[in-house]
Amino acid sequence: MSWEVINTKKIKCLCGKGTITQETIGDDWNRIEDKEPVIQCEECSKKYKIESKFMNPKPHHEYTIYYCVDKENPNSEKIKLDL
């Protein structure tokens, strides 16, 4: 009864030199969970952090929106990630 990676989503990072990766894991009981996205770019990981916003609009299904936020200026515009 262990969790294993069942899917990996990758998109280009904001500078285009690396990727932002998110893994989806599942277990033997058909539970599925999305892991937090990871910035796999040296430049972008120094400049940005990832924030999330959980949405649960009834009667629709729940989902999470992920954003890149400038670490030095967190009040600046958030950049929505297409994951």
C-alpha atoms as a PDB file:
ATOM      1  CA  MET A   1       0.000   0.000   0.000  1.00  0.00           C
ATOM      2  CA  SER A   2       2.326   2.676  -1.172  1.00  0.00           C
ATOM      3  CA  TRP A   3       2.052   5.858  -3.193  1.00  0.00           C
ATOM      4  CA  GLU A   4       3.677   5.958  -6.622  1.00  0.00           C
ATOM      5  CA  VAL A   5       4.039   8.568  -9.338  1.00  0.00           C
ATOM      6  CA  ILE A   6       1.349   8.066 -11.984  1.00  0.00           C
ATOM      7  CA  ASN A   7       1.822  11.268 -13.997  1.00  0.00           C
ATOM      8  CA  THR A   8       4.323  14.116 -14.343  1.00  0.00           C
ATOM      9  CA  LYS A   9       3.376  17.490 -15.853  1.00  0.00           C
ATOM     10  CA  LYS A  10       6.140  19.781 -17.114  1.00  0.00           C
ATOM     11  CA  ILE A  11       5.916  23.312 -18.445  1.00  0.00           C
ATOM     12  CA  LYS A  12       8.604  25.833 -19.376  1.00  0.00           C
ATOM     13  CA  CYS A  13       9.669  28.113 -16.546  1.00  0.00           C
ATOM     14  CA  LEU A  14       9.224  31.875 -16.838  1.00  0.00           C
ATOM     15  CA  CYS A  15      12.691  32.526 -18.297  1.00  0.00           C
ATOM     16  CA  GLY A  16      12.453  29.510 -20.641  1.00  0.00           C
ATOM     17  CA  LYS A  17      15.721  27.893 -19.538  1.00  0.00           C
ATOM     18  CA  GLY A  18      14.199  25.256 -17.237  1.00  0.00           C
ATOM     19  CA  THR A  19      10.907  23.672 -16.269  1.00  0.00           C
ATOM     20  CA  ILE A  20       8.218  23.720 -13.613  1.00  0.00           C
ATOM     21  CA  THR A  21       7.273  20.152 -12.742  1.00  0.00           C
ATOM     22  CA  GLN A  22       4.286  18.712 -10.887  1.00  0.00           C
ATOM     23  CA  GLU A  23       3.853  15.035 -10.032  1.00  0.00           C
ATOM     24  CA  THR A  24       0.545  13.262  -9.519  1.00  0.00           C
ATOM     25  CA  ILE A  25       0.710  10.275  -7.183  1.00  0.00           C
ATOM     26  CA  GLY A  26      -1.744   7.445  -6.577  1.00  0.00           C
ATOM     27  CA  ASP A  27      -2.126   4.475  -4.268  1.00  0.00           C
ATOM     28  CA  ASP A  28      -3.697   1.006  -4.297  1.00  0.00           C
ATOM     29  CA  TRP A  29      -7.051   2.411  -3.129  1.00  0.00           C
ATOM     30  CA  ASN A  30      -7.338   4.690  -6.179  1.00  0.00           C
ATOM     31  CA  ARG A  31      -6.657   7.834  -4.183  1.00  0.00           C
ATOM     32  CA  ILE A  32      -4.961  10.496  -6.308  1.00  0.00           C
ATOM     33  CA  GLU A  33      -3.036  13.534  -5.093  1.00  0.00           C
ATOM     34  CA  ASP A  34      -1.203  16.338  -6.890  1.00  0.00           C
ATOM     35  CA  LYS A  35       2.121  17.284  -5.318  1.00  0.00           C
ATOM     36  CA  GLU A  36       3.225  20.923  -5.065  1.00  0.00           C
ATOM     37  CA  PRO A  37       4.910  22.109  -8.290  1.00  0.00           C
ATOM     38  CA  VAL A  38       8.698  22.513  -8.218  1.00  0.00           C
ATOM     39  CA  ILE A  39      10.691  25.151 -10.123  1.00  0.00           C
ATOM     40  CA  GLN A  40      13.593  23.327 -11.787  1.00  0.00           C
ATOM     41  CA  CYS A  41      15.511  26.355 -12.987  1.00  0.00           C
ATOM     42  CA  GLU A  42      18.343  28.003 -11.097  1.00  0.00           C
ATOM     43  CA  GLU A  43      17.407  31.538 -12.188  1.00  0.00           C
ATOM     44  CA  CYS A  44      13.653  31.265 -11.625  1.00  0.00           C
ATOM     45  CA  SER A  45      13.948  29.426  -8.294  1.00  0.00           C
ATOM     46  CA  LYS A  46      16.015  32.336  -6.947  1.00  0.00           C
ATOM     47  CA  LYS A  47      13.538  34.938  -8.185  1.00  0.00           C
ATOM     48  CA  TYR A  48      10.112  33.256  -7.799  1.00  0.00           C
ATOM     49  CA  LYS A  49       8.191  31.108  -5.361  1.00  0.00           C
ATOM     50  CA  ILE A  50       5.047  29.109  -6.032  1.00  0.00           C
ATOM     51  CA  GLU A  51       1.799  29.910  -4.240  1.00  0.00           C
ATOM     52  CA  SER A  52      -1.446  28.013  -4.495  1.00  0.00           C
ATOM     53  CA  LYS A  53      -5.132  28.805  -4.108  1.00  0.00           C
ATOM     54  CA  PHE A  54      -7.605  26.005  -3.372  1.00  0.00           C
ATOM     55  CA  MET A  55     -10.983  26.319  -5.093  1.00  0.00           C
ATOM     56  CA  ASN A  56     -14.145  24.366  -4.297  1.00  0.00           C
ATOM     57  CA  PRO A  57     -17.042  25.887  -6.244  1.00  0.00           C
ATOM     58  CA  LYS A  58     -20.157  23.894  -5.397  1.00  0.00           C
ATOM     59  CA  PRO A  59     -21.560  21.868  -7.131  1.00  0.00           C
ATOM     60  CA  HIS A  60     -18.381  21.495  -9.249  1.00  0.00           C
ATOM     61  CA  HIS A  61     -15.223  19.609  -8.305  1.00  0.00           C
ATOM     62  CA  GLU A  62     -12.409  21.073  -6.245  1.00  0.00           C
ATOM     63  CA  TYR A  63      -9.152  22.175  -7.847  1.00  0.00           C
ATOM     64  CA  THR A  64      -6.021  24.183  -7.086  1.00  0.00           C
ATOM     65  CA  ILE A  65      -4.637  27.164  -8.996  1.00  0.00           C
ATOM     66  CA  TYR A  66      -0.863  27.702  -8.880  1.00  0.00           C
ATOM     67  CA  TYR A  67       0.942  31.037  -9.271  1.00  0.00           C
ATOM     68  CA  CYS A  68       4.554  32.207  -9.523  1.00  0.00           C
ATOM     69  CA  VAL A  69       5.159  35.150  -7.215  1.00  0.00           C
ATOM     70  CA  ASP A  70       8.213  37.429  -7.170  1.00  0.00           C
ATOM     71  CA  LYS A  71      10.087  36.802  -3.896  1.00  0.00           C
ATOM     72  CA  GLU A  72      11.371  40.380  -3.669  1.00  0.00           C
ATOM     73  CA  ASN A  73       8.025  42.000  -4.438  1.00  0.00           C
ATOM     74  CA  PRO A  74       5.224  39.655  -3.272  1.00  0.00           C
ATOM     75  CA  ASN A  75       2.589  42.327  -3.910  1.00  0.00           C
ATOM     76  CA  SER A  76       3.359  42.418  -7.623  1.00  0.00           C
ATOM     77  CA  GLU A  77       1.119  40.669 -10.135  1.00  0.00           C
ATOM     78  CA  LYS A  78       0.923  36.881  -9.734  1.00  0.00           C
ATOM     79  CA  ILE A  79       1.679  34.802 -12.819  1.00  0.00           C
ATOM     80  CA  LYS A  80      -0.803  31.936 -13.218  1.00  0.00           C
ATOM     81  CA  LEU A  81       0.726  28.574 -14.137  1.00  0.00           C
ATOM     82  CA  ASP A  82      -0.969  26.297 -16.657  1.00  0.00           C
ATOM     83  CA  LEU A  83      -0.565  22.972 -14.859  1.00  0.00           C
END
